[in-house]
Amino acid sequence: MKLPLTLLRHGPGDALTDLATARALLDSVKSGARGPLLRIYRPAPTAAFGARDRFLEGFPDAVAAARAHGFTPALRTLGGRIAAYHPGSLVIDHIEPTGEFLTQTQDRFVRFGEMYAQALRTIGIDARMGEIPGEYCPGEHSVNVGGRIKAIGTAQRVVSGAWLFSSSVIVEDPAPIRSVLTAVQDALGVGWDPRTGGAISERHPGVTAEAVEEAVLAAYAREYDLVEGALTSADAEAAAAYVPKHRL
């Protein structure tokens, strides 16, 4: 029998609120107020800095560079370094309750990395799991396109009673992503290969975020019983309390 998974879909909103909503939903699953969730949304232009980025000498300049490129700088509470995404991207937040703490984190990285790569391959994208030399926010479970462009970055947050696995998929409009990452990485003094920062559409012209979303949902539907849901006023109220924690 498939596990029920409530599906929440929405479009670009406020960058800080979108990040804060993930925290609020994690709390609701942890408390039992909500069951397992799959949230997919089209994000506003966001430069999500990792906690380690704050300690680099060029951090203030990097925040200013993100703003200058039209991306809202934000502090994320997940692992990793700076990541950028915009309305040509998808953010996927998968949240489930758990009775275990920090025992399956590696398995989730492998499981979801392989799942998303396979979903992309079903629509003809040359997707592979694995870090490519010089990529931004490097990770061995990133998903790349043709071994050239980082397409999906993954991270997770585990608390007592629940976990959140978050993935950003850069599908369309590569130029703003590469521009903001170049400016931010230069300010931070972090070396990287700008050719690795772009979008799936560079290698597969014509691919759309809608097509990728449907491929991901088809992959989920093979394992879960997806049930349409919606964000509530209680979710919004809970998220508002977290917004200051993400503001830079």
Foldseek 3Di string as FASTA:
>chain_A
DFAEEEEAEDEEDDQLLVLLLLVLVQVCQLVVVDAKYKYKYQYAWAWEAEPVLVPFPLSVQLCVLCVVLVHHYWYHPWDFGIATHHRQKMKIKTKHWDQDFPPCPVVVLQVVLVLLQVLVVVVPFQKDAAFAAFAHRTDGGFIATPSWAGAKDWTKDTDRTMIMIMMMGRADDFVSFLSSVVSNCVSRVHTGDSRHGGHSCVVPPPDGNVSSVVSSVVSVVVRHNYDYDYDDPVSSVSSVVCSVVIHD
